[in-house]
Amino acid sequence: MNETRADLRAYLGLLAQFQSVTLTMEQVRQVVPVSPKTIRNWISAGEFPRPIPGDVWTLTDVADWIASQQTAA
């Protein structure tokens, strides 16, 4: 139950912040404050979601990743 709430909070927070269902690298960096190189390294290592065509991320993928980081901590 807590994991579902964390997922929902992360999703709604991103939706409210960006008012979009996809996020650019710059928008991702606003909520995951690391360099683009770090994000690309995480993607290569399977530690961060892959972008969809157009080099954007779905809001759901990023929100799920954020929630998983919060529940892992």
C-alpha atoms as a PDB file:
ATOM      1  CA  MET A   1       0.000   0.000   0.000  1.00  0.00           C
ATOM      2  CA  ASN A   2       2.751   2.491   0.861  1.00  0.00           C
ATOM      3  CA  GLU A   3       4.508   1.763  -2.420  1.00  0.00           C
ATOM      4  CA  THR A   4       1.307   2.583  -4.320  1.00  0.00           C
ATOM      5  CA  ARG A   5       0.975   5.870  -2.456  1.00  0.00           C
ATOM      6  CA  ALA A   6       4.598   6.741  -3.194  1.00  0.00           C
ATOM      7  CA  ASP A   7       4.035   5.968  -6.884  1.00  0.00           C
ATOM      8  CA  LEU A   8       0.930   8.123  -6.970  1.00  0.00           C
ATOM      9  CA  ARG A   9       2.590  11.005  -5.114  1.00  0.00           C
ATOM     10  CA  ALA A  10       5.575  10.951  -7.465  1.00  0.00           C
ATOM     11  CA  TYR A  11       3.331  10.796 -10.545  1.00  0.00           C
ATOM     12  CA  LEU A  12       1.030  13.590  -9.415  1.00  0.00           C
ATOM     13  CA  GLY A  13       3.936  15.755  -8.329  1.00  0.00           C
ATOM     14  CA  LEU A  14       5.579  15.493 -11.736  1.00  0.00           C
ATOM     15  CA  LEU A  15       2.296  16.018 -13.558  1.00  0.00           C
ATOM     16  CA  ALA A  16       1.603  19.161 -11.536  1.00  0.00           C
ATOM     17  CA  GLN A  17       5.137  20.456 -12.078  1.00  0.00           C
ATOM     18  CA  PHE A  18       5.413  19.868 -15.814  1.00  0.00           C
ATOM     19  CA  GLN A  19       1.787  19.501 -16.995  1.00  0.00           C
ATOM     20  CA  SER A  20       2.925  16.957 -19.574  1.00  0.00           C
ATOM     21  CA  VAL A  21       2.980  13.191 -19.930  1.00  0.00           C
ATOM     22  CA  THR A  22       6.518  13.198 -21.315  1.00  0.00           C
ATOM     23  CA  LEU A  23       9.671  14.766 -19.924  1.00  0.00           C
ATOM     24  CA  THR A  24      12.744  16.071 -21.703  1.00  0.00           C
ATOM     25  CA  MET A  25      16.252  15.519 -20.346  1.00  0.00           C
ATOM     26  CA  GLU A  26      16.196  19.026 -18.861  1.00  0.00           C
ATOM     27  CA  GLN A  27      12.915  18.333 -17.078  1.00  0.00           C
ATOM     28  CA  VAL A  28      14.215  15.001 -15.788  1.00  0.00           C
ATOM     29  CA  ARG A  29      17.301  16.812 -14.473  1.00  0.00           C
ATOM     30  CA  GLN A  30      15.057  19.177 -12.490  1.00  0.00           C
ATOM     31  CA  VAL A  31      13.794  16.245 -10.418  1.00  0.00           C
ATOM     32  CA  VAL A  32      16.880  14.002 -10.662  1.00  0.00           C
ATOM     33  CA  PRO A  33      19.671  16.546 -10.128  1.00  0.00           C
ATOM     34  CA  VAL A  34      22.547  14.758 -11.841  1.00  0.00           C
ATOM     35  CA  SER A  35      24.320  15.344 -15.139  1.00  0.00           C
ATOM     36  CA  PRO A  36      22.992  13.994 -18.439  1.00  0.00           C
ATOM     37  CA  LYS A  37      26.087  11.757 -18.561  1.00  0.00           C
ATOM     38  CA  THR A  38      25.142  10.189 -15.219  1.00  0.00           C
ATOM     39  CA  ILE A  39      21.589   9.569 -16.433  1.00  0.00           C
ATOM     40  CA  ARG A  40      22.921   7.963 -19.621  1.00  0.00           C
ATOM     41  CA  ASN A  41      25.293   5.798 -17.558  1.00  0.00           C
ATOM     42  CA  TRP A  42      22.383   4.707 -15.355  1.00  0.00           C
ATOM     43  CA  ILE A  43      20.378   3.850 -18.488  1.00  0.00           C
ATOM     44  CA  SER A  44      23.257   1.757 -19.858  1.00  0.00           C
ATOM     45  CA  ALA A  45      23.523  -0.038 -16.509  1.00  0.00           C
ATOM     46  CA  GLY A  46      19.757  -0.667 -16.415  1.00  0.00           C
ATOM     47  CA  GLU A  47      19.358   1.590 -13.378  1.00  0.00           C
ATOM     48  CA  PHE A  48      17.151   4.254 -14.983  1.00  0.00           C
ATOM     49  CA  PRO A  49      14.312   3.965 -17.513  1.00  0.00           C
ATOM     50  CA  ARG A  50      15.153   4.239 -21.187  1.00  0.00           C
ATOM     51  CA  PRO A  51      13.704   7.200 -23.064  1.00  0.00           C
ATOM     52  CA  ILE A  52      11.044   6.598 -25.672  1.00  0.00           C
ATOM     53  CA  PRO A  53      11.470   7.729 -29.299  1.00  0.00           C
ATOM     54  CA  GLY A  54      12.061  11.452 -29.423  1.00  0.00           C
ATOM     55  CA  ASP A  55      14.536  11.183 -26.536  1.00  0.00           C
ATOM     56  CA  VAL A  56      11.863  11.847 -23.905  1.00  0.00           C
ATOM     57  CA  TRP A  57      10.727   9.866 -20.879  1.00  0.00           C
ATOM     58  CA  THR A  58       7.193   9.019 -19.950  1.00  0.00           C
ATOM     59  CA  LEU A  59       6.018  10.671 -16.776  1.00  0.00           C
ATOM     60  CA  THR A  60       4.968   7.260 -15.453  1.00  0.00           C
ATOM     61  CA  ASP A  61       8.453   5.768 -15.958  1.00  0.00           C
ATOM     62  CA  VAL A  62      10.168   8.633 -14.148  1.00  0.00           C
ATOM     63  CA  ALA A  63       7.574   8.713 -11.347  1.00  0.00           C
ATOM     64  CA  ASP A  64       7.925   4.939 -10.857  1.00  0.00           C
ATOM     65  CA  TRP A  65      11.707   5.280 -10.712  1.00  0.00           C
ATOM     66  CA  ILE A  66      11.477   8.101  -8.154  1.00  0.00           C
ATOM     67  CA  ALA A  67       9.059   6.078  -6.035  1.00  0.00           C
ATOM     68  CA  SER A  68      11.341   3.033  -6.190  1.00  0.00           C
ATOM     69  CA  GLN A  69      14.266   5.147  -4.993  1.00  0.00           C
ATOM     70  CA  GLN A  70      12.217   6.490  -2.095  1.00  0.00           C
ATOM     71  CA  THR A  71      11.047   3.032  -1.004  1.00  0.00           C
ATOM     72  CA  ALA A  72      14.591   1.620  -1.340  1.00  0.00           C
ATOM     73  CA  ALA A  73      16.033   4.296   0.953  1.00  0.00           C
END
